């Protein structure tokens, strides 16, 4: 390292403009994801639940299965728990430290995206796309807290890059890419049910293609499969011990979630519109962050003239996605080099496979589902960039103007989001923010005896949202916080805390439902009261 800086000072190491731009963009992307990371961290029930599992691993409680897939009894793999445990061991078990792995992979997604897009469309377009990904409100938001789907963009992009590299690399490099290919599969299948189905199918296609091209050796296949299987040993052990209980839960969950009163055509239409909406939202951050219902409602109203701006948005979004898909197909047909054609066709195959996979569950689709395909809109933008660059100066100017507009929209979104979080009034019945819950947790801990048990009562929505977020800090101290679901006072001993939305009327009260208030704490829009037992 000393050698490097000595040579740098003497002018022995120089960076060209591309390298400088790459480093600057990476710095900006990292800064946006790391800024106020601790205080603005989302610490909802899912995050608190996983934090408790990771901390309990220090006592020898090693989980064989991971988080429950939404709406089912099926449980994903344990890799996110292990990542959090490793991070906690290195940096401490604060909620923010447990989220470092997702933060890390969110930042590393940027250079991976650059490599992918540069292989497809060249360096200039790749830098533009990387800059947009660095500022994308969607990508920044999901890179700033711990959640099992949040690392999907990194591992799906790694899957593509490693698969592509197996085509033309040789010797030790090929063996390294084979290992990375297996790692991307082994970790990816543990992040979301979509990838559990999608990646093995796509990997089979990759192996078959490599075999037909005489690029697949036994050693490469063994390394890839060994890495993927090794990373899933805990689940395999669990399945052996329980005689396939989690596998049965998976198939039962698939059956339950695919039940719908919608016709096949309605599901297909909803799936298509949500793909279009997600591509636009990832690039612009315009619209609703968690669903595409507004876009679908607009389509059903048959373009009423009372919503002219919505109509323009809808048309542009459809043109962008459909046109981008057409361009990818055109470039694949026109391309003579196998290595580049593989990427064009591969992205199209991925899009088709994910589209087909979502059809059965399209009745409950949300924007967060598309973390699995977060690289896709950036690739589509790259395809438009290649098309415009080939048109000459006016095309290049058009692309620069378009990317500048997208950057401006995301900058506005990030500014608005930062102002909201800086206000310290984000937490409510739908969201728990670490910097706002910590003062409440400290209040509870101060009034809870060592190794003691406290009880949480109050507004049901607030109990549900904040119970685990408040319980985790107490859990680190050997204390318990139980959520009391009935009316009245818990029969068991221990301090009783009432949680509810902050209001002036309650702040002025000396008792609640006949129970005297001994102490109180307000943080943001949430109030907690210590009540005296009668």
Protein backbone atom coordinates (compact mmCIF):
# COMPACT_ATOMS: atom_id res chain seq x y z
CA UNK A 1 0.00 0.00 0.00
CA UNK A 2 2.88 2.37 0.89
CA UNK A 3 4.44 1.49 -2.48
CA UNK A 4 1.22 2.44 -4.26
CA UNK A 5 1.02 5.91 -2.69
CA UNK A 6 4.73 6.54 -3.28
CA UNK A 7 4.30 5.77 -6.96
CA UNK A 8 1.10 7.86 -7.05
CA UNK A 9 2.93 10.91 -5.62
CA UNK A 10 5.75 10.48 -8.14
CA UNK A 11 3.31 10.20 -11.04
CA UNK A 12 3.97 6.50 -11.65
CA UNK A 13 0.25 5.69 -11.39
CA UNK A 14 -2.20 7.69 -13.44
CA UNK A 15 -5.95 7.46 -13.82
CA UNK A 16 -7.66 8.13 -17.10
CA UNK A 17 -10.96 10.00 -17.30
CA UNK A 18 -13.01 6.79 -17.28
CA UNK A 19 -11.37 5.56 -14.08
CA UNK A 20 -11.81 8.95 -12.40
CA UNK A 21 -15.49 9.04 -13.38
CA UNK A 22 -15.97 5.44 -12.18
CA UNK A 23 -14.41 6.17 -8.77
CA UNK A 24 -16.39 9.41 -8.40
CA UNK A 25 -19.69 7.68 -9.20
CA UNK A 26 -18.92 4.84 -6.82
CA UNK A 27 -18.14 7.39 -4.11
CA UNK A 28 -21.44 9.23 -4.69
CA UNK A 29 -23.40 5.96 -4.63
CA UNK A 30 -21.69 4.85 -1.43
CA UNK A 31 -22.24 8.24 0.22
CA UNK A 32 -25.98 8.24 -0.51
CA UNK A 33 -26.35 4.75 0.94
CA UNK A 34 -24.20 5.39 4.01
CA UNK A 35 -25.37 8.90 4.94
CA UNK A 36 -27.10 8.85 8.38
CA UNK A 37 -27.22 5.08 7.99
CA UNK A 38 -27.75 4.37 11.68
CA UNK A 39 -30.36 6.98 12.59
CA UNK A 40 -32.41 6.61 9.39
CA UNK A 41 -32.33 2.81 9.35
CA UNK A 42 -35.67 1.06 8.84
CA UNK A 43 -36.12 -1.28 11.78
CA UNK A 44 -39.50 -2.88 11.23
CA UNK A 45 -40.69 -6.19 12.74
CA UNK A 46 -38.95 -8.27 10.04
CA UNK A 47 -35.61 -6.58 10.70
CA UNK A 48 -35.96 -6.91 14.49
CA UNK A 49 -36.94 -10.59 14.17
CA UNK A 50 -33.88 -11.35 12.06
CA UNK A 51 -31.67 -9.32 14.42
CA UNK A 52 -32.75 -11.48 17.36
CA UNK A 53 -31.95 -14.65 15.39
CA UNK A 54 -28.49 -13.32 14.48
CA UNK A 55 -27.71 -12.30 18.06
CA UNK A 56 -28.91 -15.61 19.47
CA UNK A 57 -26.36 -17.36 17.25
CA UNK A 58 -23.74 -16.09 19.73
CA UNK A 59 -25.29 -18.44 22.30
CA UNK A 60 -25.07 -21.45 19.99
CA UNK A 61 -28.58 -21.28 18.55
CA UNK A 62 -27.65 -21.94 14.92
CA UNK A 63 -30.68 -21.72 12.59
CA UNK A 64 -31.10 -24.24 9.80
CA UNK A 65 -33.83 -22.23 8.07
CA UNK A 66 -34.19 -18.52 7.42
CA UNK A 67 -37.04 -15.99 7.16
CA UNK A 68 -40.58 -17.03 6.32
CA UNK A 69 -41.65 -16.25 2.74
CA UNK A 70 -44.54 -13.77 2.82
CA UNK A 71 -48.00 -15.31 3.03
CA UNK A 72 -46.73 -18.89 3.45
CA UNK A 73 -45.18 -21.23 6.01
CA UNK A 74 -42.21 -21.89 3.71
CA UNK A 75 -38.88 -20.61 4.99
CA UNK A 76 -36.01 -19.38 2.87
CA UNK A 77 -32.35 -20.17 3.45
CA UNK A 78 -30.26 -18.93 6.35
CA UNK A 79 -27.67 -16.90 4.45
CA UNK A 80 -29.01 -13.50 5.55
CA UNK A 81 -28.85 -14.61 9.20
CA UNK A 82 -25.27 -15.78 8.74
CA UNK A 83 -24.29 -12.54 7.01
CA UNK A 84 -25.79 -10.55 9.90
CA UNK A 85 -24.07 -12.76 12.47
CA UNK A 86 -20.71 -12.25 10.76
CA UNK A 87 -21.26 -8.50 10.61
CA UNK A 88 -22.39 -8.43 14.23
CA UNK A 89 -19.33 -10.39 15.33
CA UNK A 90 -17.06 -7.91 13.56
CA UNK A 91 -18.84 -4.62 14.28
CA UNK A 92 -21.21 -5.29 17.18
CA UNK A 93 -24.85 -6.30 17.24
CA UNK A 94 -26.46 -2.90 16.84
CA UNK A 95 -29.27 -2.98 14.25
CA UNK A 96 -27.24 -0.82 11.87
CA UNK A 97 -24.20 -3.13 12.05
CA UNK A 98 -26.41 -6.11 11.21
CA UNK A 99 -27.52 -4.25 8.07
CA UNK A 100 -23.96 -3.72 6.79
CA UNK A 101 -24.06 -6.76 4.45
CA UNK A 102 -27.04 -5.37 2.51
CA UNK A 103 -25.37 -1.96 2.44
CA UNK A 104 -22.16 -3.56 1.18
CA UNK A 105 -23.86 -5.49 -1.62
CA UNK A 106 -25.91 -2.43 -2.57
CA UNK A 107 -22.70 -0.47 -3.13
CA UNK A 108 -20.98 -3.35 -4.95
CA UNK A 109 -23.96 -3.62 -7.29
CA UNK A 110 -22.76 -0.42 -8.97
CA UNK A 111 -19.41 -1.74 -10.31
CA UNK A 112 -21.07 -5.02 -11.27
CA UNK A 113 -23.69 -3.12 -13.24
CA UNK A 114 -20.94 -1.10 -14.91
CA UNK A 115 -19.16 -4.30 -15.98
CA UNK A 116 -22.35 -5.82 -17.32
CA UNK A 117 -23.47 -2.76 -19.29
CA UNK A 118 -19.96 -2.01 -20.57
CA UNK A 119 -19.74 -5.52 -21.98
CA UNK A 120 -23.03 -4.96 -23.76
CA UNK A 121 -22.91 -1.31 -24.83
CA UNK A 122 -19.48 0.19 -24.12
CA UNK A 123 -17.88 2.34 -21.44
CA UNK A 124 -19.59 5.70 -22.03
CA UNK A 125 -23.08 4.26 -21.78
CA UNK A 126 -22.05 2.10 -18.82
CA UNK A 127 -20.85 5.16 -16.87
CA UNK A 128 -24.13 6.97 -17.54
CA UNK A 129 -26.14 3.96 -16.41
CA UNK A 130 -23.95 3.48 -13.34
CA UNK A 131 -24.44 7.13 -12.35
CA UNK A 132 -28.20 6.75 -12.60
CA UNK A 133 -28.09 3.56 -10.53
CA UNK A 134 -26.01 5.39 -7.92
CA UNK A 135 -28.72 8.07 -7.59
CA UNK A 136 -31.78 5.87 -8.12
CA UNK A 137 -34.12 6.51 -5.21
CA UNK A 138 -35.39 2.94 -5.50
CA UNK A 139 -31.90 1.44 -5.30
CA UNK A 140 -30.81 3.77 -2.49
CA UNK A 141 -33.92 3.04 -0.44
CA UNK A 142 -33.53 -0.74 -0.56
CA UNK A 143 -29.79 -0.53 0.07
CA UNK A 144 -30.20 1.21 3.42
CA UNK A 145 -31.70 -1.48 5.66
CA UNK A 146 -31.49 -5.21 6.31
CA UNK A 147 -33.98 -7.43 4.51
CA UNK A 148 -33.44 -10.72 2.70
CA UNK A 149 -34.51 -9.43 -0.78
CA UNK A 150 -32.29 -6.33 -0.64
CA UNK A 151 -29.16 -8.05 -1.94
CA UNK A 152 -30.91 -9.60 -4.95
CA UNK A 153 -29.68 -6.95 -7.45
CA UNK A 154 -26.05 -7.80 -6.66
CA UNK A 155 -26.42 -11.57 -6.92
CA UNK A 156 -28.59 -11.60 -10.05
CA UNK A 157 -26.06 -9.32 -11.76
CA UNK A 158 -23.20 -11.53 -10.52
CA UNK A 159 -25.08 -14.52 -11.94
CA UNK A 160 -25.11 -12.93 -15.41
CA UNK A 161 -21.52 -11.73 -15.31
CA UNK A 162 -20.14 -15.05 -14.12
CA UNK A 163 -22.22 -17.02 -16.64
CA UNK A 164 -20.97 -14.75 -19.42
CA UNK A 165 -17.37 -15.03 -18.23
CA UNK A 166 -17.53 -18.83 -18.39
CA UNK A 167 -17.87 -18.45 -22.17
CA UNK A 168 -14.52 -16.85 -22.92
CA UNK A 169 -12.29 -17.18 -19.84
CA UNK A 170 -9.70 -19.93 -19.59
CA UNK A 171 -7.53 -21.62 -17.00
CA UNK A 172 -7.68 -20.42 -13.40
CA UNK A 173 -9.88 -17.45 -14.31
CA UNK A 174 -12.54 -19.82 -15.60
CA UNK A 175 -12.41 -21.83 -12.38
CA UNK A 176 -12.79 -18.60 -10.37
CA UNK A 177 -15.82 -17.57 -12.44
CA UNK A 178 -17.24 -21.08 -12.00
CA UNK A 179 -17.01 -20.63 -8.23
CA UNK A 180 -18.64 -17.19 -8.43
CA UNK A 181 -21.39 -18.63 -10.64
CA UNK A 182 -22.10 -21.28 -8.01
CA UNK A 183 -21.97 -18.70 -5.20
CA UNK A 184 -24.45 -16.43 -7.01
CA UNK A 185 -26.85 -19.38 -7.29
CA UNK A 186 -26.26 -20.69 -3.78
CA UNK A 187 -26.90 -17.32 -2.16
CA UNK A 188 -29.49 -16.06 -4.64
CA UNK A 189 -31.89 -18.97 -4.02
CA UNK A 190 -31.93 -18.03 -0.32
CA UNK A 191 -32.93 -14.40 -0.87
CA UNK A 192 -36.38 -14.76 -2.42
CA UNK A 193 -38.75 -17.46 -3.59
CA UNK A 194 -38.60 -16.08 -7.13
CA UNK A 195 -34.86 -16.68 -7.31
CA UNK A 196 -35.25 -20.09 -5.69
CA UNK A 197 -37.18 -21.12 -8.79
CA UNK A 198 -35.60 -18.85 -11.39
CA UNK A 199 -31.86 -19.23 -10.88
CA UNK A 200 -31.67 -23.06 -11.01
CA UNK A 201 -33.70 -23.05 -14.23
CA UNK A 202 -31.52 -20.39 -15.83
CA UNK A 203 -28.38 -22.16 -14.58
CA UNK A 204 -29.53 -25.33 -16.35
CA UNK A 205 -29.91 -23.35 -19.58
CA UNK A 206 -26.41 -21.91 -19.10
CA UNK A 207 -24.88 -25.36 -18.58
CA UNK A 208 -26.67 -26.76 -21.61
CA UNK A 209 -25.53 -23.81 -23.74
CA UNK A 210 -21.93 -24.12 -22.53
CA UNK A 211 -22.01 -27.85 -23.24
CA UNK A 212 -23.28 -27.28 -26.80
CA UNK A 213 -20.54 -24.69 -27.32
CA UNK A 214 -17.96 -27.12 -25.89
CA UNK A 215 -17.16 -24.62 -23.15
CA UNK A 216 -18.27 -26.78 -20.21
CA UNK A 217 -15.81 -29.07 -18.49
CA UNK A 218 -16.59 -31.52 -15.71
CA UNK A 219 -14.42 -29.49 -13.33
CA UNK A 220 -16.31 -26.27 -14.04
CA UNK A 221 -19.67 -27.97 -13.44
CA UNK A 222 -18.44 -29.64 -10.25
CA UNK A 223 -17.04 -26.37 -8.83
CA UNK A 224 -20.24 -24.43 -9.57
CA UNK A 225 -22.57 -27.09 -8.19
CA UNK A 226 -20.37 -27.72 -5.15
CA UNK A 227 -20.37 -24.02 -4.22
CA UNK A 228 -24.14 -23.76 -4.65
CA UNK A 229 -24.82 -26.91 -2.61
CA UNK A 230 -22.29 -26.06 0.11
CA UNK A 231 -24.00 -22.72 0.77
CA UNK A 232 -27.30 -24.52 1.26
CA UNK A 233 -26.12 -27.23 3.67
CA UNK A 234 -28.22 -25.93 6.60
CA UNK A 235 -31.44 -26.27 4.58
CA UNK A 236 -30.41 -29.73 3.39
CA UNK A 237 -29.80 -30.82 7.00
CA UNK A 238 -33.19 -29.42 7.99
CA UNK A 239 -34.94 -31.27 5.18
CA UNK A 240 -33.30 -34.55 6.19
CA UNK A 241 -34.21 -34.06 9.86
CA UNK A 242 -37.83 -33.06 9.15
CA UNK A 243 -38.37 -35.42 6.20
CA UNK A 244 -38.97 -32.60 3.73
CA UNK A 245 -41.32 -30.48 5.84
CA UNK A 246 -40.09 -27.18 4.40
CA UNK A 247 -40.35 -28.49 0.83
CA UNK A 248 -43.96 -29.47 1.48
CA UNK A 249 -44.57 -26.00 2.90
CA UNK A 250 -43.15 -24.53 -0.32
CA UNK A 251 -45.56 -26.43 -2.56
CA UNK A 252 -48.50 -25.72 -0.25
CA UNK A 253 -47.58 -22.04 -0.28
CA UNK A 254 -47.36 -22.00 -4.08
CA UNK A 255 -50.82 -23.53 -4.28
CA UNK A 256 -52.33 -21.04 -1.85
CA UNK A 257 -50.72 -17.94 -3.37
CA UNK A 258 -51.66 -18.82 -6.94
CA UNK A 259 -55.36 -19.08 -6.11
CA UNK A 260 -57.20 -16.11 -7.56
CA UNK A 261 -60.52 -15.09 -9.00
CA UNK A 262 -58.77 -13.26 -11.84
CA UNK A 263 -58.74 -14.77 -15.30
CA UNK A 264 -55.47 -15.71 -16.98
CA UNK A 265 -55.71 -12.72 -19.31
CA UNK A 266 -56.21 -10.38 -16.34
CA UNK A 267 -53.17 -11.83 -14.60
CA UNK A 268 -51.04 -11.53 -17.72
CA UNK A 269 -52.17 -7.94 -18.26
CA UNK A 270 -51.49 -6.99 -14.66
CA UNK A 271 -48.08 -8.66 -14.81
CA UNK A 272 -47.16 -6.79 -17.99
CA UNK A 273 -48.29 -3.40 -16.68
CA UNK A 274 -46.42 -3.90 -13.41
CA UNK A 275 -43.24 -4.81 -15.28
CA UNK A 276 -43.60 -1.58 -17.25
CA UNK A 277 -44.28 0.42 -14.09
CA UNK A 278 -41.39 -1.12 -12.17
CA UNK A 279 -38.88 -0.34 -14.92
CA UNK A 280 -39.99 3.28 -14.91
CA UNK A 281 -40.08 3.57 -11.13
CA UNK A 282 -36.55 2.20 -10.70
CA UNK A 283 -35.24 4.80 -13.14
CA UNK A 284 -37.34 7.80 -12.09
CA UNK A 285 -38.59 7.17 -8.52
CA UNK A 286 -41.89 8.68 -9.70
CA UNK A 287 -45.06 7.05 -8.40
CA UNK A 288 -45.97 4.78 -5.53
CA UNK A 289 -43.11 2.81 -4.08
CA UNK A 290 -44.90 -0.39 -3.14
CA UNK A 291 -47.54 -1.11 -5.76
CA UNK A 292 -48.56 -0.48 -9.33
CA UNK A 293 -52.30 -0.21 -8.73
CA UNK A 294 -52.44 3.44 -9.77
CA UNK A 295 -50.92 2.62 -13.14
CA UNK A 296 -53.37 -0.27 -13.63
CA UNK A 297 -56.32 1.92 -12.62
CA UNK A 298 -55.25 4.44 -15.23
CA UNK A 299 -55.28 1.76 -17.91
CA UNK A 300 -58.78 0.64 -16.91
CA UNK A 301 -60.11 4.20 -17.18
CA UNK A 302 -59.15 4.15 -20.85
CA UNK A 303 -57.03 7.31 -20.75
CA UNK A 304 -59.50 9.95 -19.48
CA UNK A 305 -58.55 13.43 -20.60
CA UNK A 306 -58.80 14.58 -16.97
CA UNK A 307 -55.39 12.98 -16.35
CA UNK A 308 -53.20 14.27 -19.20
CA UNK A 309 -49.91 14.05 -17.27
CA UNK A 310 -50.64 10.49 -16.20
CA UNK A 311 -51.35 9.61 -19.82
CA UNK A 312 -48.00 11.03 -20.94
CA UNK A 313 -46.22 9.09 -18.18
CA UNK A 314 -47.98 5.85 -19.11
CA UNK A 315 -47.20 6.19 -22.82
CA UNK A 316 -43.53 6.99 -22.17
CA UNK A 317 -43.20 4.07 -19.75
CA UNK A 318 -44.72 1.62 -22.22
CA UNK A 319 -42.56 2.92 -25.08
CA UNK A 320 -39.43 2.68 -22.94
CA UNK A 321 -39.93 -0.96 -21.92
CA UNK A 322 -41.41 -2.30 -25.15
CA UNK A 323 -38.92 -0.36 -27.27
CA UNK A 324 -36.03 -1.50 -25.07
CA UNK A 325 -37.06 -5.14 -25.43
CA UNK A 326 -37.30 -4.72 -29.21
CA UNK A 327 -33.84 -3.12 -29.30
CA UNK A 328 -32.31 -5.94 -27.28
CA UNK A 329 -33.80 -8.44 -29.69
CA UNK A 330 -32.57 -6.43 -32.68
CA UNK A 331 -29.04 -6.17 -31.28
CA UNK A 332 -29.03 -9.91 -30.54
CA UNK A 333 -30.10 -10.69 -34.12
CA UNK A 334 -27.57 -8.24 -35.58
CA UNK A 335 -24.62 -9.22 -33.34
CA UNK A 336 -22.14 -11.72 -34.79
CA UNK A 337 -19.99 -12.18 -31.68
CA UNK A 338 -21.21 -15.00 -29.47
CA UNK A 339 -20.08 -13.35 -26.24
CA UNK A 340 -22.24 -10.23 -26.75
CA UNK A 341 -25.18 -12.08 -28.24
CA UNK A 342 -25.21 -14.29 -25.14
CA UNK A 343 -25.82 -11.23 -22.95
CA UNK A 344 -28.56 -9.76 -25.14
CA UNK A 345 -30.42 -13.05 -25.33
CA UNK A 346 -29.71 -13.82 -21.67
CA UNK A 347 -31.39 -10.65 -20.43
CA UNK A 348 -34.40 -11.32 -22.66
CA UNK A 349 -34.65 -14.90 -21.38
CA UNK A 350 -34.43 -13.63 -17.79
CA UNK A 351 -37.22 -11.11 -18.42
CA UNK A 352 -39.47 -13.73 -20.02
CA UNK A 353 -38.80 -16.26 -17.25
CA UNK A 354 -39.57 -13.75 -14.49
CA UNK A 355 -42.67 -12.59 -16.35
CA UNK A 356 -43.99 -16.16 -16.53
CA UNK A 357 -43.10 -16.76 -12.88
CA UNK A 358 -45.05 -13.72 -11.68
CA UNK A 359 -48.25 -14.46 -13.60
CA UNK A 360 -49.68 -16.86 -10.95
CA UNK A 361 -49.09 -14.34 -8.13
CA UNK A 362 -49.76 -11.15 -10.08
CA UNK A 363 -52.82 -10.41 -7.92
CA UNK A 364 -50.52 -9.39 -5.05
CA UNK A 365 -47.57 -7.96 -6.96
CA UNK A 366 -45.59 -5.06 -5.50
CA UNK A 367 -42.66 -2.92 -6.58
CA UNK A 368 -40.32 -4.65 -4.13
CA UNK A 369 -40.73 -7.89 -6.10
CA UNK A 370 -38.70 -6.33 -8.88
CA UNK A 371 -35.53 -6.17 -6.82
CA UNK A 372 -34.95 -9.52 -8.53
CA UNK A 373 -34.74 -7.74 -11.89
CA UNK A 374 -33.36 -4.37 -10.75
CA UNK A 375 -30.60 -4.49 -13.36
CA UNK A 376 -33.11 -4.87 -16.22
CA UNK A 377 -34.27 -1.22 -16.59
CA UNK A 378 -30.64 -0.09 -16.59
CA UNK A 379 -29.88 -2.57 -19.38
CA UNK A 380 -32.93 -1.33 -21.30
CA UNK A 381 -31.65 2.22 -20.85
CA UNK A 382 -28.30 1.05 -22.18
CA UNK A 383 -30.04 -0.40 -25.25
CA UNK A 384 -31.70 2.95 -25.91
CA UNK A 385 -28.31 4.61 -25.42
CA UNK A 386 -26.67 2.37 -28.02
CA UNK A 387 -29.51 3.06 -30.45
CA UNK A 388 -29.23 6.84 -29.95
CA UNK A 389 -25.43 6.87 -30.04
CA UNK A 390 -25.58 5.23 -33.45
CA UNK A 391 -27.74 8.12 -34.70
CA UNK A 392 -24.87 10.59 -34.34
CA UNK A 393 -24.59 13.87 -32.41
CA UNK A 394 -28.30 14.54 -32.07
CA UNK A 395 -28.79 11.01 -30.74
CA UNK A 396 -26.01 11.43 -28.19
CA UNK A 397 -27.44 14.79 -27.13
CA UNK A 398 -30.91 13.21 -26.75
CA UNK A 399 -29.52 10.42 -24.57
CA UNK A 400 -27.57 12.87 -22.38
CA UNK A 401 -30.66 15.04 -21.98
CA UNK A 402 -32.82 12.03 -21.10
CA UNK A 403 -30.34 10.71 -18.50
CA UNK A 404 -30.00 14.22 -17.06
CA UNK A 405 -33.77 14.40 -16.62
CA UNK A 406 -33.77 11.03 -14.84
CA UNK A 407 -30.95 12.17 -12.57
CA UNK A 408 -32.88 15.33 -11.74
CA UNK A 409 -36.03 13.38 -10.85
CA UNK A 410 -34.11 11.04 -8.57
CA UNK A 411 -32.29 13.95 -6.96
CA UNK A 412 -35.65 15.53 -6.12
CA UNK A 413 -36.87 12.24 -4.66
CA UNK A 414 -33.74 11.82 -2.53
CA UNK A 415 -33.94 15.42 -1.31
CA UNK A 416 -37.57 14.96 -0.31
CA UNK A 417 -36.84 11.65 1.43
CA UNK A 418 -33.84 13.09 3.27
CA UNK A 419 -35.91 16.05 4.50
CA UNK A 420 -38.59 13.67 5.74
CA UNK A 421 -36.15 11.49 7.69
CA UNK A 422 -34.29 14.53 9.02
CA UNK A 423 -37.56 15.78 10.52
CA UNK A 424 -37.47 12.91 13.01
CA UNK A 425 -41.17 12.28 12.46
CA UNK A 426 -41.22 9.23 10.20
CA UNK A 427 -42.10 6.44 12.60
CA UNK A 428 -45.78 5.60 12.82
CA UNK A 429 -48.05 2.56 12.53
CA UNK A 430 -46.49 1.73 9.16
CA UNK A 431 -42.79 2.41 9.74
CA UNK A 432 -40.23 2.14 12.54
CA UNK A 433 -37.01 4.15 12.20
CA UNK A 434 -34.05 3.24 14.40
CA UNK A 435 -33.07 6.78 15.37
CA UNK A 436 -36.63 7.41 16.56
CA UNK A 437 -37.15 4.09 18.35
CA UNK A 438 -33.85 4.05 20.27
CA UNK A 439 -34.93 6.76 22.77
CA UNK A 440 -38.11 4.76 23.42
CA UNK A 441 -36.12 1.55 23.91
CA UNK A 442 -33.79 3.34 26.35
CA UNK A 443 -36.84 4.55 28.28
CA UNK A 444 -38.21 1.00 28.52
CA UNK A 445 -34.84 -0.40 29.54
CA UNK A 446 -34.39 2.21 32.27
CA UNK A 447 -37.65 1.19 33.90
CA UNK A 448 -37.19 -2.57 33.45
CA UNK A 449 -35.15 -4.38 36.11
CA UNK A 450 -32.14 -6.52 35.15
CA UNK A 451 -33.24 -9.87 33.72
CA UNK A 452 -36.81 -8.63 34.13
CA UNK A 453 -39.89 -8.78 31.91
CA UNK A 454 -41.90 -5.77 30.74
CA UNK A 455 -45.28 -5.68 29.01
CA UNK A 456 -46.42 -3.56 26.07
CA UNK A 457 -50.05 -2.52 25.71
CA UNK A 458 -51.80 0.25 23.78
CA UNK A 459 -52.90 0.88 20.20
CA UNK A 460 -52.91 -2.42 18.31
CA UNK A 461 -51.25 -1.07 15.15
CA UNK A 462 -48.47 0.52 17.21
CA UNK A 463 -47.95 -2.59 19.34
CA UNK A 464 -47.59 -4.63 16.16
CA UNK A 465 -45.19 -2.19 14.50
CA UNK A 466 -42.92 -1.37 17.46
CA UNK A 467 -42.96 -4.42 19.74
CA UNK A 468 -40.02 -6.26 18.15
CA UNK A 469 -38.11 -3.05 17.40
CA UNK A 470 -38.27 -2.17 21.10
CA UNK A 471 -37.77 -5.76 22.26
CA UNK A 472 -34.44 -6.24 20.48
CA UNK A 473 -32.41 -3.65 22.50
CA UNK A 474 -33.86 -5.12 25.70
CA UNK A 475 -33.02 -8.62 24.45
CA UNK A 476 -29.36 -7.58 24.16
CA UNK A 477 -29.47 -6.70 27.88
CA UNK A 478 -31.11 -9.95 28.93
CA UNK A 479 -34.53 -8.36 29.38
CA UNK A 480 -37.87 -9.31 27.82
CA UNK A 481 -40.68 -7.23 26.35
CA UNK A 482 -43.95 -9.09 25.91
CA UNK A 483 -46.81 -7.82 23.78
CA UNK A 484 -50.13 -7.97 25.68
CA UNK A 485 -53.03 -8.47 23.27
CA UNK A 486 -55.97 -8.22 25.64
CA UNK A 487 -57.60 -5.20 27.23
CA UNK A 488 -56.65 -4.14 30.70
CA UNK A 489 -53.49 -4.88 32.66
CA UNK A 490 -51.31 -8.03 32.31
CA UNK A 491 -51.61 -10.37 35.28
CA UNK A 492 -47.90 -11.18 35.38
CA UNK A 493 -45.58 -8.87 37.28
CA UNK A 494 -43.29 -6.38 35.62
CA UNK A 495 -43.54 -2.81 34.36
CA UNK A 496 -46.35 -2.02 31.93
CA UNK A 497 -45.84 0.39 29.04
CA UNK A 498 -48.58 1.81 26.84
CA UNK A 499 -47.65 2.82 23.29
CA UNK A 500 -49.71 4.96 20.98
CA UNK A 501 -49.64 7.79 18.48
CA UNK A 502 -48.46 11.08 19.97
CA UNK A 503 -51.32 13.50 20.63
CA UNK A 504 -51.56 16.68 22.70
CA UNK A 505 -54.51 15.35 24.67
CA UNK A 506 -52.64 12.26 25.85
CA UNK A 507 -49.48 14.24 26.59
CA UNK A 508 -51.49 16.31 29.07
CA UNK A 509 -53.07 13.32 30.87
CA UNK A 510 -52.05 12.18 34.33
CA UNK A 511 -53.72 8.79 33.94
CA UNK A 512 -54.97 6.52 31.14
CA UNK A 513 -58.09 4.38 31.61
CA UNK A 514 -57.84 4.90 35.37
CA UNK A 515 -54.16 3.87 35.48
CA UNK A 516 -51.80 6.60 36.77
CA UNK A 517 -48.92 7.61 34.50
CA UNK A 518 -45.58 7.31 36.30
CA UNK A 519 -43.39 8.48 33.44
CA UNK A 520 -43.59 9.12 29.72
CA UNK A 521 -41.38 9.41 26.65
CA UNK A 522 -42.11 10.81 23.21
CA UNK A 523 -39.98 10.35 20.13
CA UNK A 524 -41.18 11.73 16.82
CA UNK A 525 -44.82 10.78 16.43
CA UNK A 526 -44.81 7.98 19.01
CA UNK A 527 -45.44 8.19 22.76
CA UNK A 528 -44.78 5.55 25.43
CA UNK A 529 -46.26 5.77 28.96
CA UNK A 530 -45.14 3.87 32.05
CA UNK A 531 -48.30 2.96 33.95
CA UNK A 532 -48.72 2.11 37.61
CA UNK A 533 -50.48 -1.10 38.46
CA UNK A 534 -53.53 -0.63 40.68
